[in-house]
């Protein structure tokens, strides 16, 4: 079964869903071009150094911390969850009490007290939640015993959550679900729906796969009650943060981040970085910072762009 999972991982990664799993990871914090004239509230020029990729940065609701996941061995079979301050300091591992599976895509609860994530096992994937101190890991709702469950979005109350699930078979045939109070409701039945996300205005956005190999999908707003769909053809960004989305424009100079509203209207450019094929681009709750990670070819490091100054900084620095 594990060999099938490993073959599936790159395919799911192409939809901005990264996975992979261990222990004994050595990390150090290095000073990189420290500028003592910067205000204390601004990110410092520090980078957490390790030999393995770091992925999936997610801002805490108050913007003071970033959770992410990181591979911990050379064959990329193990990953764990970490938290650091937004300036790259005070790094700590979150998942020391959950040593099963490889952990991916942490998501802060609305009150900032819990973090949900997905843990991939040999026979499927489970949704988990843990408190911000790394204690009391718990399994969340389940659709099937050995199916693949992947967390996408808390609801506004922080007690319910939207996720997607696909059966443990040869293909990737996901559908969207909502869980609350021990009850699980299936929202779609087409086998092509993934990543449900709740915006701050209450709209539930979903992706529907058009061509999996080409990483093509359409975006819709789904009414959970009537199940009616409204296509949003202009929306290009992937991760919704409140009522804003970040999209990426690539050219010979690198990647420019553009802020979109929920209808896909361009609001403003936030800055350009000299990298391409970026992943997990998210804007912070106050709109000043964009967190992203570079491609595997560029070390899969987590960076922070200051939209006010247009400057970017490495929060993690990877390589042998």
C-alpha atoms as a PDB file:
ATOM      1  CA  UNK A   1       0.000   0.000   0.000  1.00  0.00           C
ATOM      2  CA  UNK A   2       2.773   2.473   0.806  1.00  0.00           C
ATOM      3  CA  UNK A   3       4.158   2.327  -2.733  1.00  0.00           C
ATOM      4  CA  UNK A   4       0.760   3.405  -4.063  1.00  0.00           C
ATOM      5  CA  UNK A   5       0.678   6.280  -1.609  1.00  0.00           C
ATOM      6  CA  UNK A   6       4.151   7.441  -2.616  1.00  0.00           C
ATOM      7  CA  UNK A   7       3.066   7.404  -6.270  1.00  0.00           C
ATOM      8  CA  UNK A   8      -0.016   9.432  -5.395  1.00  0.00           C
ATOM      9  CA  UNK A   9       1.846  12.111  -3.455  1.00  0.00           C
ATOM     10  CA  UNK A  10       3.380  13.981  -6.446  1.00  0.00           C
ATOM     11  CA  UNK A  11      -0.027  14.032  -8.112  1.00  0.00           C
ATOM     12  CA  UNK A  12      -1.711  15.514  -5.079  1.00  0.00           C
ATOM     13  CA  UNK A  13       1.191  17.941  -4.643  1.00  0.00           C
ATOM     14  CA  UNK A  14       0.447  19.279  -8.109  1.00  0.00           C
ATOM     15  CA  UNK A  15      -2.868  20.493  -6.677  1.00  0.00           C
ATOM     16  CA  UNK A  16      -0.987  22.392  -3.966  1.00  0.00           C
ATOM     17  CA  UNK A  17      -1.464  19.518  -1.510  1.00  0.00           C
ATOM     18  CA  UNK A  18       1.961  18.411  -0.301  1.00  0.00           C
ATOM     19  CA  UNK A  19       2.671  15.413   1.862  1.00  0.00           C
ATOM     20  CA  UNK A  20       5.561  13.272   3.080  1.00  0.00           C
ATOM     21  CA  UNK A  21       7.382  11.804   7.168  1.00  0.00           C
ATOM     22  CA  UNK A  22      10.749  11.063  11.524  1.00  0.00           C
ATOM     23  CA  UNK A  23      12.974  12.244  14.062  1.00  0.00           C
ATOM     24  CA  UNK A  24      16.463  13.480  14.800  1.00  0.00           C
ATOM     25  CA  UNK A  25      16.187  16.543  12.594  1.00  0.00           C
ATOM     26  CA  UNK A  26      18.950  19.013  13.319  1.00  0.00           C
ATOM     27  CA  UNK A  27      18.056  22.699  13.062  1.00  0.00           C
ATOM     28  CA  UNK A  28      20.110  25.770  13.742  1.00  0.00           C
ATOM     29  CA  UNK A  29      19.325  29.463  13.524  1.00  0.00           C
ATOM     30  CA  UNK A  30      21.744  31.522  11.458  1.00  0.00           C
ATOM     31  CA  UNK A  31      22.050  35.278  11.101  1.00  0.00           C
ATOM     32  CA  UNK A  32      21.705  36.470   7.516  1.00  0.00           C
ATOM     33  CA  UNK A  33      22.422  40.151   6.847  1.00  0.00           C
ATOM     34  CA  UNK A  34      21.084  41.386  10.176  1.00  0.00           C
ATOM     35  CA  UNK A  35      20.069  45.048  10.019  1.00  0.00           C
ATOM     36  CA  UNK A  36      19.933  46.507  13.518  1.00  0.00           C
ATOM     37  CA  UNK A  37      18.231  49.649  12.272  1.00  0.00           C
ATOM     38  CA  UNK A  38      14.998  47.798  11.570  1.00  0.00           C
ATOM     39  CA  UNK A  39      12.113  48.209  13.998  1.00  0.00           C
ATOM     40  CA  UNK A  40      11.743  45.412  16.510  1.00  0.00           C
ATOM     41  CA  UNK A  41       8.266  44.575  15.208  1.00  0.00           C
ATOM     42  CA  UNK A  42       9.606  43.858  11.745  1.00  0.00           C
ATOM     43  CA  UNK A  43      10.871  40.409  10.762  1.00  0.00           C
ATOM     44  CA  UNK A  44      14.540  39.939  11.560  1.00  0.00           C
ATOM     45  CA  UNK A  45      17.010  38.626   9.010  1.00  0.00           C
ATOM     46  CA  UNK A  46      17.186  35.180  10.595  1.00  0.00           C
ATOM     47  CA  UNK A  47      16.854  31.836   8.885  1.00  0.00           C
ATOM     48  CA  UNK A  48      16.248  28.471  10.533  1.00  0.00           C
ATOM     49  CA  UNK A  49      18.705  26.136   8.840  1.00  0.00           C
ATOM     50  CA  UNK A  50      18.187  22.439   8.102  1.00  0.00           C
ATOM     51  CA  UNK A  51      18.930  20.041   5.227  1.00  0.00           C
ATOM     52  CA  UNK A  52      15.290  19.242   4.420  1.00  0.00           C
ATOM     53  CA  UNK A  53      12.328  21.000   2.728  1.00  0.00           C
ATOM     54  CA  UNK A  54       9.869  23.171   4.665  1.00  0.00           C
ATOM     55  CA  UNK A  55       6.351  23.672   3.332  1.00  0.00           C
ATOM     56  CA  UNK A  56       2.843  24.988   3.940  1.00  0.00           C
ATOM     57  CA  UNK A  57       3.247  28.165   6.041  1.00  0.00           C
ATOM     58  CA  UNK A  58       0.030  29.279   7.744  1.00  0.00           C
ATOM     59  CA  UNK A  59      -0.339  32.492   9.764  1.00  0.00           C
ATOM     60  CA  UNK A  60      -1.911  32.445  13.222  1.00  0.00           C
ATOM     61  CA  UNK A  61      -5.079  34.608  13.427  1.00  0.00           C
ATOM     62  CA  UNK A  62      -3.170  37.445  15.114  1.00  0.00           C
ATOM     63  CA  UNK A  63      -0.308  37.200  12.619  1.00  0.00           C
ATOM     64  CA  UNK A  64       2.350  36.651  15.291  1.00  0.00           C
ATOM     65  CA  UNK A  65       3.234  33.020  14.442  1.00  0.00           C
ATOM     66  CA  UNK A  66       3.566  30.713  11.470  1.00  0.00           C
ATOM     67  CA  UNK A  67       2.921  26.986  11.514  1.00  0.00           C
ATOM     68  CA  UNK A  68       4.449  24.780   8.818  1.00  0.00           C
ATOM     69  CA  UNK A  69       5.497  21.213   8.120  1.00  0.00           C
ATOM     70  CA  UNK A  70       8.929  19.893   7.319  1.00  0.00           C
ATOM     71  CA  UNK A  71      10.450  16.677   6.057  1.00  0.00           C
ATOM     72  CA  UNK A  72      12.845  15.071   8.485  1.00  0.00           C
ATOM     73  CA  UNK A  73      14.734  12.477   6.451  1.00  0.00           C
ATOM     74  CA  UNK A  74      16.458  12.187   3.093  1.00  0.00           C
ATOM     75  CA  UNK A  75      13.905   9.903   1.431  1.00  0.00           C
ATOM     76  CA  UNK A  76      11.066  12.328   2.281  1.00  0.00           C
ATOM     77  CA  UNK A  77       9.078   9.599   4.022  1.00  0.00           C
ATOM     78  CA  UNK A  78       8.536  11.525   7.281  1.00  0.00           C
ATOM     79  CA  UNK A  79       7.315  15.044   8.061  1.00  0.00           C
ATOM     80  CA  UNK A  80       6.461  16.859  11.270  1.00  0.00           C
ATOM     81  CA  UNK A  81       4.769  20.106  12.308  1.00  0.00           C
ATOM     82  CA  UNK A  82       6.631  23.186  13.549  1.00  0.00           C
ATOM     83  CA  UNK A  83       5.767  26.667  14.821  1.00  0.00           C
ATOM     84  CA  UNK A  84       7.893  29.803  14.759  1.00  0.00           C
ATOM     85  CA  UNK A  85       7.309  33.472  15.313  1.00  0.00           C
ATOM     86  CA  UNK A  86       6.686  35.512  12.171  1.00  0.00           C
ATOM     87  CA  UNK A  87      10.193  36.959  12.493  1.00  0.00           C
ATOM     88  CA  UNK A  88      11.649  33.426  12.248  1.00  0.00           C
ATOM     89  CA  UNK A  89      12.562  33.064  15.925  1.00  0.00           C
ATOM     90  CA  UNK A  90      11.404  30.720  18.707  1.00  0.00           C
ATOM     91  CA  UNK A  91      11.092  27.645  16.496  1.00  0.00           C
ATOM     92  CA  UNK A  92       9.651  24.543  18.143  1.00  0.00           C
ATOM     93  CA  UNK A  93       8.215  21.238  17.028  1.00  0.00           C
ATOM     94  CA  UNK A  94       4.487  20.915  17.530  1.00  0.00           C
ATOM     95  CA  UNK A  95       3.872  17.239  16.828  1.00  0.00           C
ATOM     96  CA  UNK A  96       6.112  15.458  19.352  1.00  0.00           C
ATOM     97  CA  UNK A  97       3.067  13.640  20.772  1.00  0.00           C
ATOM     98  CA  UNK A  98       1.856  12.385  17.403  1.00  0.00           C
ATOM     99  CA  UNK A  99       4.544  10.203  15.881  1.00  0.00           C
ATOM    100  CA  UNK A 100       2.356   8.332  13.384  1.00  0.00           C
ATOM    101  CA  UNK A 101       2.272   9.158   9.700  1.00  0.00           C
ATOM    102  CA  UNK A 102       3.618  12.187   7.910  1.00  0.00           C
ATOM    103  CA  UNK A 103       1.957  15.459   8.784  1.00  0.00           C
ATOM    104  CA  UNK A 104       0.932  18.131   6.292  1.00  0.00           C
ATOM    105  CA  UNK A 105      -0.743  21.539   5.910  1.00  0.00           C
ATOM    106  CA  UNK A 106      -1.357  22.887   9.434  1.00  0.00           C
ATOM    107  CA  UNK A 107      -4.397  25.195   9.778  1.00  0.00           C
ATOM    108  CA  UNK A 108      -4.936  27.480  12.768  1.00  0.00           C
ATOM    109  CA  UNK A 109      -8.370  27.563  14.380  1.00  0.00           C
ATOM    110  CA  UNK A 110     -10.138  30.952  14.418  1.00  0.00           C
ATOM    111  CA  UNK A 111      -9.284  31.496  18.094  1.00  0.00           C
ATOM    112  CA  UNK A 112      -5.633  30.551  17.547  1.00  0.00           C
ATOM    113  CA  UNK A 113      -5.702  27.850  20.219  1.00  0.00           C
ATOM    114  CA  UNK A 114      -5.678  24.728  18.020  1.00  0.00           C
ATOM    115  CA  UNK A 115      -4.073  23.583  14.795  1.00  0.00           C
ATOM    116  CA  UNK A 116      -5.622  21.032  12.448  1.00  0.00           C
ATOM    117  CA  UNK A 117      -3.522  18.993  10.049  1.00  0.00           C
ATOM    118  CA  UNK A 118      -3.520  15.863   7.914  1.00  0.00           C
ATOM    119  CA  UNK A 119      -1.514  12.777   8.821  1.00  0.00           C
ATOM    120  CA  UNK A 120      -0.866  10.331   5.986  1.00  0.00           C
ATOM    121  CA  UNK A 121      -0.534   6.649   6.922  1.00  0.00           C
ATOM    122  CA  UNK A 122       0.155   3.533   4.869  1.00  0.00           C
ATOM    123  CA  UNK A 123      -3.571   2.780   4.610  1.00  0.00           C
ATOM    124  CA  UNK A 124      -5.022   6.265   4.229  1.00  0.00           C
ATOM    125  CA  UNK A 125      -4.929   9.725   5.758  1.00  0.00           C
ATOM    126  CA  UNK A 126      -6.588  11.009   8.911  1.00  0.00           C
ATOM    127  CA  UNK A 127      -7.488  14.532   9.981  1.00  0.00           C
ATOM    128  CA  UNK A 128      -5.989  15.524  13.305  1.00  0.00           C
ATOM    129  CA  UNK A 129      -6.095  18.491  15.669  1.00  0.00           C
ATOM    130  CA  UNK A 130      -3.634  19.483  18.371  1.00  0.00           C
ATOM    131  CA  UNK A 131      -3.450  22.472  20.696  1.00  0.00           C
ATOM    132  CA  UNK A 132      -0.909  25.221  20.079  1.00  0.00           C
ATOM    133  CA  UNK A 133       1.334  23.882  22.858  1.00  0.00           C
ATOM    134  CA  UNK A 134       1.597  20.491  21.151  1.00  0.00           C
ATOM    135  CA  UNK A 135      -0.552  18.506  23.574  1.00  0.00           C
ATOM    136  CA  UNK A 136      -3.774  16.499  23.243  1.00  0.00           C
ATOM    137  CA  UNK A 137      -3.614  15.344  19.605  1.00  0.00           C
ATOM    138  CA  UNK A 138      -7.033  14.062  18.572  1.00  0.00           C
ATOM    139  CA  UNK A 139      -8.513  12.469  15.502  1.00  0.00           C
ATOM    140  CA  UNK A 140     -11.258  14.455  13.794  1.00  0.00           C
ATOM    141  CA  UNK A 141     -14.215  13.170  11.775  1.00  0.00           C
ATOM    142  CA  UNK A 142     -13.873  10.145   9.512  1.00  0.00           C
ATOM    143  CA  UNK A 143     -15.755   9.186   6.345  1.00  0.00           C
ATOM    144  CA  UNK A 144     -14.119   5.792   5.844  1.00  0.00           C
ATOM    145  CA  UNK A 145     -11.749   3.753   7.935  1.00  0.00           C
ATOM    146  CA  UNK A 146      -8.892   3.659   5.423  1.00  0.00           C
ATOM    147  CA  UNK A 147      -9.804   6.524   3.084  1.00  0.00           C
ATOM    148  CA  UNK A 148      -7.840   9.719   2.605  1.00  0.00           C
ATOM    149  CA  UNK A 149      -9.125  12.708   4.578  1.00  0.00           C
ATOM    150  CA  UNK A 150      -7.616  16.152   4.125  1.00  0.00           C
ATOM    151  CA  UNK A 151      -8.403  19.243   6.175  1.00  0.00           C
ATOM    152  CA  UNK A 152      -9.217  22.449   4.324  1.00  0.00           C
ATOM    153  CA  UNK A 153     -11.012  25.051   6.422  1.00  0.00           C
ATOM    154  CA  UNK A 154     -12.460  25.678   9.871  1.00  0.00           C
ATOM    155  CA  UNK A 155     -15.945  27.167   9.994  1.00  0.00           C
ATOM    156  CA  UNK A 156     -16.472  30.568  11.613  1.00  0.00           C
ATOM    157  CA  UNK A 157     -17.281  29.040  15.015  1.00  0.00           C
ATOM    158  CA  UNK A 158     -14.102  26.960  15.126  1.00  0.00           C
ATOM    159  CA  UNK A 159     -16.175  23.914  16.067  1.00  0.00           C
ATOM    160  CA  UNK A 160     -16.978  22.671  12.577  1.00  0.00           C
ATOM    161  CA  UNK A 161     -14.731  22.134   9.606  1.00  0.00           C
ATOM    162  CA  UNK A 162     -14.788  21.587   5.870  1.00  0.00           C
ATOM    163  CA  UNK A 163     -12.588  18.904   4.362  1.00  0.00           C
ATOM    164  CA  UNK A 164     -12.315  16.584   1.404  1.00  0.00           C
ATOM    165  CA  UNK A 165     -12.064  12.816   1.265  1.00  0.00           C
ATOM    166  CA  UNK A 166     -11.263  10.297  -1.426  1.00  0.00           C
ATOM    167  CA  UNK A 167     -11.581   6.497  -1.239  1.00  0.00           C
ATOM    168  CA  UNK A 168      -8.553   4.285  -0.852  1.00  0.00           C
ATOM    169  CA  UNK A 169      -8.422   3.028  -4.413  1.00  0.00           C
ATOM    170  CA  UNK A 170      -6.271   3.523  -7.493  1.00  0.00           C
ATOM    171  CA  UNK A 171      -7.450   7.034  -8.305  1.00  0.00           C
ATOM    172  CA  UNK A 172      -7.886  10.496  -6.818  1.00  0.00           C
ATOM    173  CA  UNK A 173     -11.660  10.971  -6.636  1.00  0.00           C
ATOM    174  CA  UNK A 174     -12.326  13.569  -3.927  1.00  0.00           C
ATOM    175  CA  UNK A 175     -15.566  15.035  -2.587  1.00  0.00           C
ATOM    176  CA  UNK A 176     -16.234  17.842  -0.109  1.00  0.00           C
ATOM    177  CA  UNK A 177     -17.647  17.284   3.396  1.00  0.00           C
ATOM    178  CA  UNK A 178     -18.621  19.258   6.471  1.00  0.00           C
ATOM    179  CA  UNK A 179     -18.296  17.962  10.036  1.00  0.00           C
ATOM    180  CA  UNK A 180     -19.765  19.430  13.216  1.00  0.00           C
ATOM    181  CA  UNK A 181     -20.707  17.925  16.560  1.00  0.00           C
ATOM    182  CA  UNK A 182     -19.822  14.396  15.487  1.00  0.00           C
ATOM    183  CA  UNK A 183     -22.017  14.579  12.370  1.00  0.00           C
ATOM    184  CA  UNK A 184     -20.517  14.417   8.882  1.00  0.00           C
ATOM    185  CA  UNK A 185     -22.397  15.786   5.862  1.00  0.00           C
ATOM    186  CA  UNK A 186     -21.306  15.016   2.293  1.00  0.00           C
ATOM    187  CA  UNK A 187     -21.589  18.193   0.202  1.00  0.00           C
ATOM    188  CA  UNK A 188     -20.646  16.890  -3.260  1.00  0.00           C
ATOM    189  CA  UNK A 189     -20.946  13.528  -5.017  1.00  0.00           C
ATOM    190  CA  UNK A 190     -18.993  13.979  -8.244  1.00  0.00           C
ATOM    191  CA  UNK A 191     -15.529  12.693  -7.322  1.00  0.00           C
ATOM    192  CA  UNK A 192     -13.818  15.838  -8.649  1.00  0.00           C
ATOM    193  CA  UNK A 193     -14.238  18.319  -5.771  1.00  0.00           C
ATOM    194  CA  UNK A 194     -11.421  19.278  -3.430  1.00  0.00           C
ATOM    195  CA  UNK A 195     -10.208  22.012  -1.071  1.00  0.00           C
ATOM    196  CA  UNK A 196     -13.378  23.584   0.329  1.00  0.00           C
ATOM    197  CA  UNK A 197     -12.520  26.961   1.886  1.00  0.00           C
ATOM    198  CA  UNK A 198     -14.733  29.303   3.872  1.00  0.00           C
ATOM    199  CA  UNK A 199     -14.256  33.015   3.239  1.00  0.00           C
ATOM    200  CA  UNK A 200     -14.921  35.651   5.902  1.00  0.00           C
ATOM    201  CA  UNK A 201     -18.204  36.631   4.195  1.00  0.00           C
ATOM    202  CA  UNK A 202     -19.511  33.075   4.700  1.00  0.00           C
ATOM    203  CA  UNK A 203     -19.073  31.914   1.101  1.00  0.00           C
ATOM    204  CA  UNK A 204     -17.817  28.356   0.660  1.00  0.00           C
ATOM    205  CA  UNK A 205     -15.343  28.074  -2.218  1.00  0.00           C
ATOM    206  CA  UNK A 206     -14.461  24.731  -3.806  1.00  0.00           C
ATOM    207  CA  UNK A 207     -12.240  23.472  -6.611  1.00  0.00           C
ATOM    208  CA  UNK A 208     -13.519  21.109  -9.281  1.00  0.00           C
ATOM    209  CA  UNK A 209     -10.906  19.184 -11.256  1.00  0.00           C
ATOM    210  CA  UNK A 210     -10.913  19.749 -15.005  1.00  0.00           C
ATOM    211  CA  UNK A 211      -7.650  17.967 -15.878  1.00  0.00           C
ATOM    212  CA  UNK A 212      -5.691  16.392 -13.054  1.00  0.00           C
ATOM    213  CA  UNK A 213      -2.483  15.819 -15.004  1.00  0.00           C
ATOM    214  CA  UNK A 214      -2.423  19.412 -16.251  1.00  0.00           C
ATOM    215  CA  UNK A 215      -3.372  20.775 -12.800  1.00  0.00           C
ATOM    216  CA  UNK A 216      -6.475  22.468 -14.209  1.00  0.00           C
ATOM    217  CA  UNK A 217      -9.525  23.116 -12.077  1.00  0.00           C
ATOM    218  CA  UNK A 218     -12.453  25.535 -11.890  1.00  0.00           C
ATOM    219  CA  UNK A 219     -13.477  27.514  -8.809  1.00  0.00           C
ATOM    220  CA  UNK A 220     -17.037  27.732  -7.551  1.00  0.00           C
ATOM    221  CA  UNK A 221     -19.037  29.014  -4.628  1.00  0.00           C
ATOM    222  CA  UNK A 222     -21.107  26.168  -3.200  1.00  0.00           C
ATOM    223  CA  UNK A 223     -24.290  26.773  -1.220  1.00  0.00           C
ATOM    224  CA  UNK A 224     -24.149  23.997   1.421  1.00  0.00           C
ATOM    225  CA  UNK A 225     -27.942  24.058   1.836  1.00  0.00           C
ATOM    226  CA  UNK A 226     -29.245  24.063  -1.727  1.00  0.00           C
ATOM    227  CA  UNK A 227     -25.998  22.638  -3.201  1.00  0.00           C
ATOM    228  CA  UNK A 228     -26.240  25.251  -5.950  1.00  0.00           C
ATOM    229  CA  UNK A 229     -22.994  26.269  -7.635  1.00  0.00           C
ATOM    230  CA  UNK A 230     -21.779  29.659  -8.815  1.00  0.00           C
ATOM    231  CA  UNK A 231     -18.711  29.574 -11.025  1.00  0.00           C
ATOM    232  CA  UNK A 232     -16.026  32.209 -10.308  1.00  0.00           C
ATOM    233  CA  UNK A 233     -13.994  32.119 -13.528  1.00  0.00           C
ATOM    234  CA  UNK A 234     -11.837  35.175 -12.781  1.00  0.00           C
ATOM    235  CA  UNK A 235     -10.469  33.941  -9.435  1.00  0.00           C
ATOM    236  CA  UNK A 236      -6.926  32.676  -9.948  1.00  0.00           C
ATOM    237  CA  UNK A 237      -5.348  32.507  -6.490  1.00  0.00           C
ATOM    238  CA  UNK A 238      -5.491  29.312  -4.482  1.00  0.00           C
ATOM    239  CA  UNK A 239      -5.570  30.046  -0.750  1.00  0.00           C
ATOM    240  CA  UNK A 240      -8.309  32.277   0.657  1.00  0.00           C
ATOM    241  CA  UNK A 241      -7.413  34.409   3.680  1.00  0.00           C
ATOM    242  CA  UNK A 242     -10.469  36.209   5.011  1.00  0.00           C
ATOM    243  CA  UNK A 243     -11.767  38.107   1.991  1.00  0.00           C
ATOM    244  CA  UNK A 244      -8.547  38.189  -0.015  1.00  0.00           C
ATOM    245  CA  UNK A 245      -6.589  35.820  -2.250  1.00  0.00           C
ATOM    246  CA  UNK A 246      -3.000  35.911  -3.494  1.00  0.00           C
ATOM    247  CA  UNK A 247      -2.296  35.026  -7.103  1.00  0.00           C
ATOM    248  CA  UNK A 248       1.097  34.718  -8.783  1.00  0.00           C
ATOM    249  CA  UNK A 249       2.327  36.111 -12.095  1.00  0.00           C
ATOM    250  CA  UNK A 250       5.592  34.651 -13.401  1.00  0.00           C
ATOM    251  CA  UNK A 251       8.001  36.204 -15.889  1.00  0.00           C
ATOM    252  CA  UNK A 252      11.753  36.353 -16.490  1.00  0.00           C
ATOM    253  CA  UNK A 253      12.217  38.454 -13.339  1.00  0.00           C
ATOM    254  CA  UNK A 254      10.567  35.923 -11.029  1.00  0.00           C
ATOM    255  CA  UNK A 255       7.100  35.944  -9.454  1.00  0.00           C
ATOM    256  CA  UNK A 256       4.895  38.929  -8.695  1.00  0.00           C
ATOM    257  CA  UNK A 257       2.239  38.569  -6.012  1.00  0.00           C
ATOM    258  CA  UNK A 258      -1.101  40.170  -6.820  1.00  0.00           C
ATOM    259  CA  UNK A 259      -3.901  40.677  -4.307  1.00  0.00           C
ATOM    260  CA  UNK A 260      -7.346  39.612  -5.560  1.00  0.00           C
ATOM    261  CA  UNK A 261     -10.794  40.028  -4.086  1.00  0.00           C
ATOM    262  CA  UNK A 262     -13.162  37.048  -3.902  1.00  0.00           C
ATOM    263  CA  UNK A 263     -14.513  37.755  -7.395  1.00  0.00           C
ATOM    264  CA  UNK A 264     -11.043  37.598  -8.925  1.00  0.00           C
ATOM    265  CA  UNK A 265     -10.612  41.348  -9.362  1.00  0.00           C
ATOM    266  CA  UNK A 266      -6.993  42.474  -9.100  1.00  0.00           C
ATOM    267  CA  UNK A 267      -6.581  44.955  -6.237  1.00  0.00           C
ATOM    268  CA  UNK A 268      -2.854  45.684  -6.205  1.00  0.00           C
ATOM    269  CA  UNK A 269       0.604  44.224  -6.682  1.00  0.00           C
ATOM    270  CA  UNK A 270       2.358  43.333  -3.444  1.00  0.00           C
ATOM    271  CA  UNK A 271       5.908  42.770  -4.657  1.00  0.00           C
ATOM    272  CA  UNK A 272       8.156  40.586  -6.794  1.00  0.00           C
ATOM    273  CA  UNK A 273      10.595  37.864  -5.709  1.00  0.00           C
ATOM    274  CA  UNK A 274      13.298  36.235  -7.893  1.00  0.00           C
ATOM    275  CA  UNK A 275      11.826  32.728  -7.756  1.00  0.00           C
ATOM    276  CA  UNK A 276       9.323  30.726  -9.792  1.00  0.00           C
ATOM    277  CA  UNK A 277       6.959  27.803  -9.164  1.00  0.00           C
ATOM    278  CA  UNK A 278       6.161  29.063  -5.666  1.00  0.00           C
ATOM    279  CA  UNK A 279       3.815  27.142  -3.376  1.00  0.00           C
ATOM    280  CA  UNK A 280       1.410  27.890  -0.507  1.00  0.00           C
ATOM    281  CA  UNK A 281       1.312  31.674  -0.928  1.00  0.00           C
ATOM    282  CA  UNK A 282      -0.770  33.251   1.834  1.00  0.00           C
ATOM    283  CA  UNK A 283      -1.326  36.800   3.019  1.00  0.00           C
ATOM    284  CA  UNK A 284      -1.203  37.563   6.733  1.00  0.00           C
ATOM    285  CA  UNK A 285      -4.286  38.697   8.672  1.00  0.00           C
ATOM    286  CA  UNK A 286      -3.225  42.356   8.653  1.00  0.00           C
ATOM    287  CA  UNK A 287      -2.352  42.338   4.956  1.00  0.00           C
ATOM    288  CA  UNK A 288       1.269  43.377   5.337  1.00  0.00           C
ATOM    289  CA  UNK A 289       3.129  40.093   4.884  1.00  0.00           C
ATOM    290  CA  UNK A 290       2.950  37.291   2.345  1.00  0.00           C
ATOM    291  CA  UNK A 291       4.331  33.897   3.370  1.00  0.00           C
ATOM    292  CA  UNK A 292       5.277  31.388   0.699  1.00  0.00           C
ATOM    293  CA  UNK A 293       7.719  28.607   0.074  1.00  0.00           C
ATOM    294  CA  UNK A 294      10.019  28.156  -2.848  1.00  0.00           C
ATOM    295  CA  UNK A 295       9.970  25.134  -5.135  1.00  0.00           C
ATOM    296  CA  UNK A 296      11.899  21.967  -4.390  1.00  0.00           C
ATOM    297  CA  UNK A 297      14.441  23.067  -7.000  1.00  0.00           C
ATOM    298  CA  UNK A 298      15.054  26.199  -4.904  1.00  0.00           C
ATOM    299  CA  UNK A 299      15.299  24.302  -1.627  1.00  0.00           C
ATOM    300  CA  UNK A 300      11.642  24.500  -0.522  1.00  0.00           C
ATOM    301  CA  UNK A 301      12.407  27.308   1.916  1.00  0.00           C
ATOM    302  CA  UNK A 302       9.794  29.451   3.651  1.00  0.00           C
ATOM    303  CA  UNK A 303      10.087  33.156   2.861  1.00  0.00           C
ATOM    304  CA  UNK A 304       8.253  36.276   3.986  1.00  0.00           C
ATOM    305  CA  UNK A 305       7.528  39.211   1.679  1.00  0.00           C
ATOM    306  CA  UNK A 306       6.883  42.613   3.245  1.00  0.00           C
ATOM    307  CA  UNK A 307       4.222  44.177   1.018  1.00  0.00           C
ATOM    308  CA  UNK A 308       4.969  47.618   2.454  1.00  0.00           C
ATOM    309  CA  UNK A 309       8.627  47.637   1.408  1.00  0.00           C
ATOM    310  CA  UNK A 310       8.666  44.968  -1.320  1.00  0.00           C
ATOM    311  CA  UNK A 311      11.547  43.180   0.407  1.00  0.00           C
ATOM    312  CA  UNK A 312      11.577  39.459   1.138  1.00  0.00           C
ATOM    313  CA  UNK A 313      13.395  37.480   3.817  1.00  0.00           C
ATOM    314  CA  UNK A 314      14.160  33.832   4.355  1.00  0.00           C
ATOM    315  CA  UNK A 315      12.545  32.352   7.431  1.00  0.00           C
ATOM    316  CA  UNK A 316      14.025  28.924   6.781  1.00  0.00           C
ATOM    317  CA  UNK A 317      17.211  28.130   4.903  1.00  0.00           C
ATOM    318  CA  UNK A 318      17.671  24.592   3.649  1.00  0.00           C
ATOM    319  CA  UNK A 319      20.441  22.525   2.101  1.00  0.00           C
ATOM    320  CA  UNK A 320      23.098  20.018   2.974  1.00  0.00           C
END
